[in-house]
Amino acid sequence: MESNIFEGNLVKNAPLAERMRPRNLDEFLGQEKVVGKNSLLRRSITAGRLGSCIFYGPPGTGKTTLANIIANMLDANFVKMNAVSSGVADAKEVIANAKHNLELYGKKTYVLLDECHRWNKAQSDLLLEAIEKGIIVFIGSTTENPFVSMTRAIISRCKIFKFETLSREDIEKAVLRAKDDRERGFGELNIELSNEALEHFVLTSGGDVRSALTSFEIAVLSTKAVRGKIKIDLTVAKESTQGKPLSIDDDLHYDMLSAFCKSLRGSDANAALYWAHRLIASGCDPLIIARRLIAHASEDVGMANSNALQMAVAAMTALEKMGVPEGLIPLSHSIIYVSLCPKSNSVVVAMDKAKADVELTFNDAVPDHLKNTNYLHEKRAKYKYPHNYPGGYVEQQYLPSEIKDHVYYTPSNYGSEAKIAESTKKTDKKT
């Protein structure tokens, strides 16, 4: 009886986010692709045939909650471990108990390992044998991409389910559910929650339902009731929350960097500016943005407007000299400039063709008339000094004989490069 009382006190005094944790699939919010009515995971749970799996995705998206729901639905032993605090000895004990329960009672043991990417190879190999023999059913939970952070042996024996950031509607539903729930939430209180305050809780959560519920709980508990009513307006909501969480993991970092680069290439200055400053706000070094900008000034603008390269280099120099925040102004200036320039990838195409010939050309001997010799030999080799000819140009062979007719650079008809294309046509006609 006493244990039940103490357990009740623990539940009563637990944080709101913990108390409101969904107890079944009907209460579970979001992740339709993972646990929708016709999803593989839901079918496996319903059939009682769920095998080892790994849940990965951002914090507060329901990974641990779903693991708890699964354990309750399947009437199995459920052991929760954390890869940071648990070692080989803990794993051995869990596996031994699981084997005992399976042999004596025929009852499976589900092992939830939080932050599973933190386990080293020796720890992972210990689990691997238990998974293969069916002693345990492994459910890993991680915010990191398991394909990168975990051993291949474990990955090959698990189904991988990716969790997405919850939608605005899901976060809003969770807050309202907590407000009205009489058993676990604040349903016994007379709370007036304005639409603006609710929107603020949703926006600042960053898709993390735990964050939204924590902010809502602070707002409720720190606001005095007036005539029996707790009024939570936008001002109270702002005072009860921190700014929008902007930290990102490695996968999202590279996804956003890719979005920045593709926005530059796609001539969308607005999107390029947004992704650049979103990355910087999350802690990305602005010089990384500047370096990518320089690369794309040649890769995507190139000869169509060679000033783009100068602008990008100048922006990086200004950023290095001025620092943040002032240096972000010339960086933004250059991002807009590069985005709006006419585009040509002729430089990259030419470079790749030249590199390919470097690898594939069997005999790339330097033509005699181009060799580094004395002036008299140059005359005998019939080297034509371009400045002795009209316009400083004369037709002669410069490439190795084996590839003398290969063309790498073909100017486009965009921006300044159109003039180069026109002058090249005139030169071709002369020759």
Protein backbone atom coordinates (compact mmCIF):
# COMPACT_ATOMS: atom_id res chain seq x y z
CA MET A 1 0.00 0.00 0.00
CA GLU A 2 2.80 2.38 0.95
CA SER A 3 4.59 1.82 -2.35
CA ASN A 4 1.41 2.80 -4.19
CA ILE A 5 1.11 5.99 -2.14
CA PHE A 6 4.71 6.92 -2.81
CA GLU A 7 4.31 6.10 -6.49
CA GLY A 8 1.23 8.32 -6.60
CA ASN A 9 3.17 11.18 -5.07
CA LEU A 10 5.92 10.76 -7.66
CA VAL A 11 3.39 10.93 -10.50
CA LYS A 12 1.59 13.90 -8.95
CA ASN A 13 4.81 15.89 -8.56
CA ALA A 14 6.33 14.93 -11.90
CA PRO A 15 6.73 17.66 -14.54
CA LEU A 16 3.69 18.32 -16.70
CA ALA A 17 5.41 16.92 -19.79
CA GLU A 18 6.02 13.65 -17.96
CA ARG A 19 2.48 13.46 -16.56
CA MET A 20 0.97 14.12 -19.99
CA ARG A 21 3.07 11.50 -21.74
CA PRO A 22 0.66 9.56 -24.05
CA ARG A 23 -0.35 6.16 -22.66
CA ASN A 24 -1.53 4.51 -25.86
CA LEU A 25 -1.39 4.91 -29.62
CA ASP A 26 -4.69 6.82 -29.69
CA GLU A 27 -3.17 9.55 -27.48
CA PHE A 28 0.10 9.59 -29.41
CA LEU A 29 0.60 12.76 -31.44
CA GLY A 30 2.11 13.01 -34.91
CA GLN A 31 4.46 10.54 -36.63
CA GLU A 32 1.77 9.23 -38.98
CA LYS A 33 4.42 7.67 -41.21
CA VAL A 34 5.75 5.70 -38.26
CA VAL A 35 2.59 4.68 -36.38
CA GLY A 36 -0.24 5.46 -38.78
CA LYS A 37 -3.05 2.92 -39.07
CA ASN A 38 -1.47 1.07 -42.00
CA SER A 39 2.17 1.54 -41.03
CA LEU A 40 4.63 -1.34 -40.70
CA LEU A 41 5.31 -0.54 -37.04
CA ARG A 42 1.65 -0.47 -36.05
CA ARG A 43 0.94 -3.73 -37.86
CA SER A 44 3.93 -5.33 -36.13
CA ILE A 45 2.77 -4.15 -32.70
CA THR A 46 -0.80 -5.31 -33.30
CA ALA A 47 0.43 -8.72 -34.40
CA GLY A 48 2.76 -8.95 -31.40
CA ARG A 49 5.66 -9.45 -33.77
CA LEU A 50 7.70 -6.31 -33.28
CA GLY A 51 11.39 -6.98 -33.80
CA SER A 52 14.39 -4.91 -32.83
CA CYS A 53 14.26 -1.35 -34.09
CA ILE A 54 15.81 2.08 -33.76
CA PHE A 55 13.90 5.35 -33.40
CA TYR A 56 15.82 8.44 -34.39
CA GLY A 57 14.87 12.08 -34.72
CA PRO A 58 14.85 15.46 -32.91
CA PRO A 59 14.21 15.73 -29.15
CA GLY A 60 10.61 15.81 -27.94
CA THR A 61 9.12 13.99 -30.91
CA GLY A 62 7.89 10.90 -29.02
CA LYS A 63 10.67 8.31 -29.35
CA THR A 64 10.78 7.29 -25.67
CA THR A 65 7.02 7.67 -25.32
CA LEU A 66 6.35 5.28 -28.19
CA ALA A 67 8.76 2.75 -26.72
CA ASN A 68 6.84 2.86 -23.42
CA ILE A 69 3.52 2.45 -25.23
CA ILE A 70 4.88 -0.56 -27.11
CA ALA A 71 6.04 -2.19 -23.88
CA ASN A 72 2.59 -1.73 -22.29
CA MET A 73 0.75 -3.05 -25.34
CA LEU A 74 2.86 -6.17 -25.74
CA ASP A 75 2.68 -7.30 -22.10
CA ALA A 76 6.42 -7.81 -21.87
CA ASN A 77 9.21 -6.95 -19.49
CA PHE A 78 10.50 -3.51 -20.23
CA VAL A 79 13.98 -2.35 -19.23
CA LYS A 80 15.11 1.21 -19.80
CA MET A 81 18.82 2.00 -20.06
CA ASN A 82 20.85 5.06 -20.97
CA ALA A 83 23.98 4.61 -23.06
CA VAL A 84 25.72 7.43 -21.22
CA SER A 85 25.37 5.96 -17.71
CA SER A 86 25.10 2.23 -18.48
CA GLY A 87 28.10 0.02 -19.14
CA VAL A 88 28.94 -3.56 -20.08
CA ALA A 89 28.16 -4.87 -16.57
CA ASP A 90 24.66 -3.35 -16.69
CA ALA A 91 24.01 -4.85 -20.11
CA LYS A 92 25.18 -8.30 -18.98
CA GLU A 93 22.79 -8.19 -16.03
CA VAL A 94 19.86 -7.17 -18.20
CA ILE A 95 20.61 -9.90 -20.72
CA ALA A 96 20.95 -12.55 -17.97
CA ASN A 97 17.58 -11.57 -16.46
CA ALA A 98 15.98 -11.51 -19.91
CA LYS A 99 17.26 -15.02 -20.64
CA HIS A 100 15.96 -16.24 -17.27
CA ASN A 101 12.45 -14.77 -17.87
CA LEU A 102 12.31 -16.17 -21.38
CA GLU A 103 13.32 -19.70 -20.33
CA LEU A 104 11.13 -19.91 -17.23
CA TYR A 105 8.09 -17.85 -18.16
CA GLY A 106 8.30 -17.46 -21.94
CA LYS A 107 8.14 -13.69 -21.50
CA LYS A 108 10.06 -11.38 -23.80
CA THR A 109 12.17 -8.48 -22.58
CA TYR A 110 12.23 -5.21 -24.47
CA VAL A 111 15.34 -3.11 -23.84
CA LEU A 112 15.03 0.60 -24.54
CA LEU A 113 18.46 2.17 -24.87
CA ASP A 114 18.36 5.98 -24.88
CA GLU A 115 21.16 7.76 -26.75
CA CYS A 116 22.11 4.39 -28.22
CA HIS A 117 24.68 5.99 -30.55
CA ARG A 118 26.89 6.62 -27.49
CA TRP A 119 27.69 2.92 -26.99
CA ASN A 120 31.06 1.74 -28.29
CA LYS A 121 31.69 -1.36 -30.39
CA ALA A 122 32.36 -3.65 -27.41
CA GLN A 123 29.06 -2.68 -25.77
CA SER A 124 27.18 -2.97 -29.05
CA ASP A 125 28.62 -6.43 -29.76
CA LEU A 126 27.33 -7.63 -26.38
CA LEU A 127 23.79 -6.63 -27.35
CA LEU A 128 24.24 -8.07 -30.82
CA GLU A 129 24.51 -11.66 -29.59
CA ALA A 130 21.41 -11.27 -27.40
CA ILE A 131 19.46 -9.77 -30.32
CA GLU A 132 20.49 -12.58 -32.69
CA LYS A 133 19.46 -15.30 -30.21
CA GLY A 134 16.14 -13.59 -29.52
CA ILE A 135 16.93 -13.13 -25.84
CA ILE A 136 15.99 -9.43 -26.01
CA VAL A 137 14.12 -7.16 -28.38
CA PHE A 138 16.18 -4.02 -28.76
CA ILE A 139 14.64 -0.55 -29.16
CA GLY A 140 17.25 2.13 -29.63
CA SER A 141 16.45 5.82 -29.28
CA THR A 142 18.77 8.51 -30.59
CA THR A 143 18.87 12.05 -31.92
CA GLU A 144 21.76 11.10 -34.23
CA ASN A 145 21.57 9.41 -37.61
CA PRO A 146 22.17 5.71 -36.73
CA PHE A 147 23.50 4.95 -40.22
CA VAL A 148 26.43 7.21 -39.40
CA SER A 149 26.79 6.87 -35.63
CA MET A 150 26.16 3.15 -34.96
CA THR A 151 27.87 -0.10 -35.92
CA ARG A 152 26.75 -1.76 -39.13
CA ALA A 153 26.10 -5.06 -37.37
CA ILE A 154 23.44 -3.51 -35.13
CA ILE A 155 21.92 -1.50 -37.99
CA SER A 156 21.56 -4.59 -40.18
CA ARG A 157 19.48 -6.34 -37.50
CA CYS A 158 17.12 -3.48 -36.75
CA LYS A 159 14.33 -1.70 -38.57
CA ILE A 160 14.98 2.04 -38.66
CA PHE A 161 12.15 4.51 -38.04
CA LYS A 162 12.76 8.22 -38.53
CA PHE A 163 10.77 10.63 -36.36
CA GLU A 164 9.96 14.08 -37.72
CA THR A 165 9.54 17.36 -35.87
CA LEU A 166 5.94 17.67 -34.69
CA SER A 167 3.61 20.00 -36.58
CA ARG A 168 2.18 23.21 -35.16
CA GLU A 169 -1.20 21.49 -34.90
CA ASP A 170 0.27 18.61 -32.87
CA ILE A 171 2.01 20.96 -30.41
CA GLU A 172 -1.15 23.05 -30.07
CA LYS A 173 -3.22 19.93 -29.41
CA ALA A 174 -0.77 18.80 -26.70
CA VAL A 175 -0.95 22.14 -24.86
CA LEU A 176 -4.74 22.27 -24.99
CA ARG A 177 -4.95 18.65 -23.84
CA ALA A 178 -2.76 19.51 -20.82
CA LYS A 179 -4.91 22.54 -20.07
CA ASP A 180 -8.15 20.53 -20.05
CA ASP A 181 -7.03 17.17 -18.61
CA ARG A 182 -8.42 16.84 -15.07
CA GLU A 183 -6.43 13.77 -14.12
CA ARG A 184 -2.93 14.62 -15.25
CA GLY A 185 -3.05 18.22 -16.43
CA PHE A 186 -4.58 21.50 -15.23
CA GLY A 187 -8.22 20.69 -15.91
CA GLU A 188 -9.17 21.43 -12.29
CA LEU A 189 -7.98 25.02 -12.67
CA ASN A 190 -9.84 27.87 -14.36
CA ILE A 191 -7.31 28.83 -17.04
CA GLU A 192 -7.92 31.44 -19.71
CA LEU A 193 -5.36 30.89 -22.48
CA SER A 194 -5.32 33.48 -25.26
CA ASN A 195 -4.77 32.45 -28.87
CA GLU A 196 -1.68 34.66 -29.03
CA ALA A 197 -0.17 32.94 -25.97
CA LEU A 198 -0.91 29.51 -27.39
CA GLU A 199 0.71 30.48 -30.68
CA HIS A 200 3.78 31.70 -28.78
CA PHE A 201 4.14 28.39 -26.92
CA VAL A 202 3.91 26.56 -30.25
CA LEU A 203 6.38 28.81 -32.06
CA THR A 204 9.05 28.80 -29.35
CA SER A 205 8.85 25.02 -28.90
CA GLY A 206 10.77 24.36 -32.10
CA GLY A 207 8.63 21.27 -32.66
CA ASP A 208 9.50 19.85 -29.22
CA VAL A 209 6.29 19.06 -27.34
CA ARG A 210 8.21 18.73 -24.06
CA SER A 211 9.47 22.30 -24.42
CA ALA A 212 5.96 23.64 -25.11
CA LEU A 213 4.46 21.85 -22.09
CA THR A 214 7.29 23.00 -19.82
CA SER A 215 6.72 26.64 -20.81
CA PHE A 216 2.97 26.27 -20.35
CA GLU A 217 3.50 24.71 -16.92
CA ILE A 218 5.75 27.60 -15.82
CA ALA A 219 3.15 30.09 -17.03
CA VAL A 220 0.34 28.40 -15.07
CA LEU A 221 2.26 27.88 -11.84
CA SER A 222 3.82 31.36 -11.80
CA THR A 223 0.63 33.32 -12.54
CA LYS A 224 -1.62 34.32 -9.65
CA ALA A 225 -5.30 33.68 -10.03
CA VAL A 226 -7.50 36.79 -10.15
CA ARG A 227 -11.08 36.11 -9.03
CA GLY A 228 -10.38 32.40 -9.38
CA LYS A 229 -9.08 32.67 -12.96
CA ILE A 230 -5.51 32.19 -14.20
CA LYS A 231 -5.13 34.43 -17.23
CA ILE A 232 -2.31 33.58 -19.60
CA ASP A 233 -1.86 36.18 -22.30
CA LEU A 234 1.01 36.85 -24.71
CA THR A 235 2.99 38.81 -22.12
CA VAL A 236 2.84 35.96 -19.61
CA ALA A 237 3.73 33.45 -22.33
CA LYS A 238 6.81 35.45 -23.34
CA GLU A 239 7.93 35.74 -19.72
CA SER A 240 7.60 31.97 -19.31
CA THR A 241 9.61 30.89 -22.34
CA GLN A 242 13.08 31.22 -23.71
CA GLY A 243 13.70 32.09 -27.33
CA LYS A 244 13.05 29.57 -30.07
CA PRO A 245 15.62 26.74 -29.77
CA LEU A 246 17.86 26.97 -32.81
CA SER A 247 20.49 24.33 -32.14
CA ILE A 248 20.79 21.67 -34.85
CA ASP A 249 22.42 18.26 -35.20
CA ASP A 250 24.96 17.30 -37.87
CA ASP A 251 22.34 16.04 -40.33
CA LEU A 252 20.28 19.21 -40.12
CA HIS A 253 23.42 21.34 -40.33
CA TYR A 254 24.35 19.81 -43.67
CA ASP A 255 20.75 19.85 -44.89
CA MET A 256 20.53 23.59 -44.21
CA LEU A 257 23.93 24.20 -45.77
CA SER A 258 22.71 22.31 -48.84
CA ALA A 259 19.55 24.43 -48.91
CA PHE A 260 21.70 27.59 -48.76
CA CYS A 261 23.86 26.44 -51.68
CA LYS A 262 20.88 25.38 -53.79
CA SER A 263 19.14 28.71 -53.09
CA LEU A 264 22.21 30.57 -54.35
CA ARG A 265 22.24 28.44 -57.48
CA GLY A 266 18.49 28.92 -57.91
CA SER A 267 18.80 32.74 -57.76
CA ASP A 268 16.54 32.98 -54.69
CA ALA A 269 18.17 35.70 -52.59
CA ASN A 270 15.45 35.52 -49.94
CA ALA A 271 15.94 31.81 -49.29
CA ALA A 272 19.74 32.08 -49.42
CA LEU A 273 19.67 34.86 -46.81
CA TYR A 274 17.28 32.91 -44.60
CA TRP A 275 19.32 29.68 -44.58
CA ALA A 276 22.57 31.57 -44.08
CA HIS A 277 21.29 33.40 -41.01
CA ARG A 278 19.43 30.33 -39.72
CA LEU A 279 22.73 28.46 -39.73
CA ILE A 280 24.55 31.34 -38.05
CA ALA A 281 21.84 31.63 -35.38
CA SER A 282 22.29 27.93 -34.58
CA GLY A 283 26.00 28.42 -33.94
CA CYS A 284 27.46 27.82 -37.40
CA ASP A 285 30.69 29.77 -38.02
CA PRO A 286 29.81 32.57 -40.51
CA LEU A 287 33.13 31.91 -42.25
CA ILE A 288 31.72 28.54 -43.37
CA ILE A 289 28.96 30.45 -45.17
CA ALA A 290 31.52 32.84 -46.65
CA ARG A 291 33.66 29.98 -47.95
CA ARG A 292 30.67 28.33 -49.61
CA LEU A 293 29.72 31.67 -51.11
CA ILE A 294 33.16 32.03 -52.70
CA ALA A 295 32.92 28.53 -54.18
CA HIS A 296 29.49 29.20 -55.66
CA ALA A 297 30.57 32.57 -57.04
CA SER A 298 32.76 30.56 -59.41
CA GLU A 299 30.72 27.37 -59.62
CA ASP A 300 27.31 28.87 -60.39
CA VAL A 301 28.02 32.40 -61.60
CA GLY A 302 31.52 32.03 -62.99
CA MET A 303 32.28 33.88 -66.20
CA ALA A 304 28.73 35.22 -66.45
CA ASN A 305 29.82 37.84 -63.91
CA SER A 306 33.36 37.54 -62.60
CA ASN A 307 32.66 40.38 -60.15
CA ALA A 308 30.71 37.84 -58.07
CA LEU A 309 33.96 36.14 -57.06
CA GLN A 310 35.49 39.48 -56.06
CA MET A 311 32.39 40.34 -54.03
CA ALA A 312 32.45 36.99 -52.22
CA VAL A 313 36.16 37.25 -51.38
CA ALA A 314 35.68 40.85 -50.22
CA ALA A 315 32.79 39.74 -47.98
CA MET A 316 34.94 37.04 -46.38
CA THR A 317 37.77 39.51 -45.81
CA ALA A 318 35.35 42.02 -44.26
CA LEU A 319 33.91 39.31 -42.03
CA GLU A 320 37.39 38.31 -40.84
CA LYS A 321 38.38 41.95 -40.15
CA MET A 322 35.11 43.18 -38.64
CA GLY A 323 33.75 40.10 -36.91
CA VAL A 324 30.11 39.63 -35.89
CA PRO A 325 27.63 41.29 -36.06
CA GLU A 326 29.01 44.04 -38.35
CA GLY A 327 30.67 41.58 -40.70
CA LEU A 328 27.31 39.94 -41.41
CA ILE A 329 26.26 43.04 -43.36
CA PRO A 330 28.82 42.68 -46.20
CA LEU A 331 28.24 38.92 -46.07
CA SER A 332 24.51 39.47 -46.66
CA HIS A 333 25.34 42.03 -49.36
CA SER A 334 27.41 39.44 -51.22
CA ILE A 335 24.79 36.68 -50.75
CA ILE A 336 22.19 38.88 -52.44
CA TYR A 337 24.63 39.83 -55.23
CA VAL A 338 25.67 36.24 -55.99
CA SER A 339 22.04 35.07 -55.87
CA LEU A 340 20.86 37.67 -58.37
CA CYS A 341 23.76 37.33 -60.83
CA PRO A 342 23.18 35.58 -64.17
CA LYS A 343 24.25 31.97 -63.82
CA SER A 344 26.79 29.89 -65.74
CA ASN A 345 28.54 26.67 -64.73
CA SER A 346 30.99 26.80 -67.66
CA VAL A 347 33.96 27.14 -65.31
CA VAL A 348 33.14 23.89 -63.50
CA VAL A 349 32.38 22.09 -66.76
CA ALA A 350 35.71 23.24 -68.22
CA MET A 351 37.59 22.26 -65.07
CA ASP A 352 36.06 18.77 -64.99
CA LYS A 353 36.86 18.17 -68.68
CA ALA A 354 40.46 19.28 -68.19
CA LYS A 355 40.84 17.07 -65.09
CA ALA A 356 39.42 14.10 -66.99
CA ASP A 357 41.96 14.57 -69.79
CA VAL A 358 44.77 14.81 -67.23
CA GLU A 359 43.78 11.34 -66.00
CA LEU A 360 43.14 9.76 -69.41
CA THR A 361 45.74 11.21 -71.78
CA PHE A 362 48.50 8.70 -72.46
CA ASN A 363 51.06 10.98 -74.09
CA ASP A 364 50.91 14.60 -72.93
CA ALA A 365 54.35 15.68 -74.07
CA VAL A 366 54.81 19.44 -74.26
CA PRO A 367 54.95 20.60 -77.91
CA ASP A 368 58.49 21.64 -78.93
CA HIS A 369 57.55 25.26 -79.58
CA LEU A 370 56.22 25.62 -76.01
CA LYS A 371 59.22 24.19 -74.19
CA ASN A 372 61.23 26.36 -71.81
CA THR A 373 64.36 26.93 -73.94
CA ASN A 374 66.49 29.84 -75.12
CA TYR A 375 65.19 32.39 -77.59
CA LEU A 376 67.09 30.99 -80.59
CA HIS A 377 65.64 27.54 -80.09
CA GLU A 378 62.17 29.07 -79.75
CA LYS A 379 62.61 30.64 -83.18
CA ARG A 380 63.74 27.31 -84.64
CA ALA A 381 60.73 25.61 -83.04
CA LYS A 382 58.49 28.15 -84.74
CA TYR A 383 56.93 29.56 -81.57
CA LYS A 384 54.69 32.46 -82.56
CA TYR A 385 54.93 35.37 -80.11
CA PRO A 386 51.28 36.56 -79.83
CA HIS A 387 52.18 40.22 -79.30
CA ASN A 388 53.77 40.32 -82.74
CA TYR A 389 50.35 39.72 -84.29
CA PRO A 390 47.28 42.00 -84.62
CA GLY A 391 45.15 41.97 -81.47
CA GLY A 392 47.83 40.02 -79.56
CA TYR A 393 46.46 36.73 -80.86
CA VAL A 394 47.69 34.08 -83.26
CA GLU A 395 46.46 30.56 -83.87
CA GLN A 396 48.91 27.83 -82.79
CA GLN A 397 48.89 24.54 -80.88
CA TYR A 398 49.10 24.77 -77.09
CA LEU A 399 47.67 21.41 -75.96
CA PRO A 400 49.58 18.11 -76.24
CA SER A 401 49.26 16.62 -79.73
CA GLU A 402 47.12 13.71 -78.54
CA ILE A 403 44.37 16.05 -77.35
CA LYS A 404 45.12 19.16 -79.42
CA ASP A 405 41.51 19.57 -80.60
CA HIS A 406 39.82 19.07 -77.21
CA VAL A 407 37.62 21.93 -76.01
CA TYR A 408 36.96 22.42 -72.30
CA TYR A 409 35.54 25.89 -71.94
CA THR A 410 32.38 26.77 -73.85
CA PRO A 411 30.97 30.20 -72.91
CA SER A 412 27.26 30.50 -72.20
CA ASN A 413 25.02 33.25 -73.53
CA TYR A 414 24.34 34.75 -70.09
CA GLY A 415 25.63 37.95 -68.51
CA SER A 416 29.15 39.06 -69.33
CA GLU A 417 29.88 35.65 -70.77
CA ALA A 418 27.69 36.44 -73.75
CA LYS A 419 30.33 38.95 -74.88
CA ILE A 420 33.02 36.29 -74.49
CA ALA A 421 30.92 33.91 -76.58
CA GLU A 422 30.59 36.56 -79.30
CA SER A 423 34.34 37.32 -79.35
CA THR A 424 35.10 33.60 -79.48
CA LYS A 425 32.87 33.25 -82.55
CA LYS A 426 34.75 36.07 -84.28
CA THR A 427 38.09 34.45 -83.47
CA ASP A 428 36.87 31.14 -84.86
CA LYS A 429 35.87 32.85 -88.10
CA LYS A 430 39.36 34.38 -88.48
CA THR A 431 41.01 31.04 -88.06
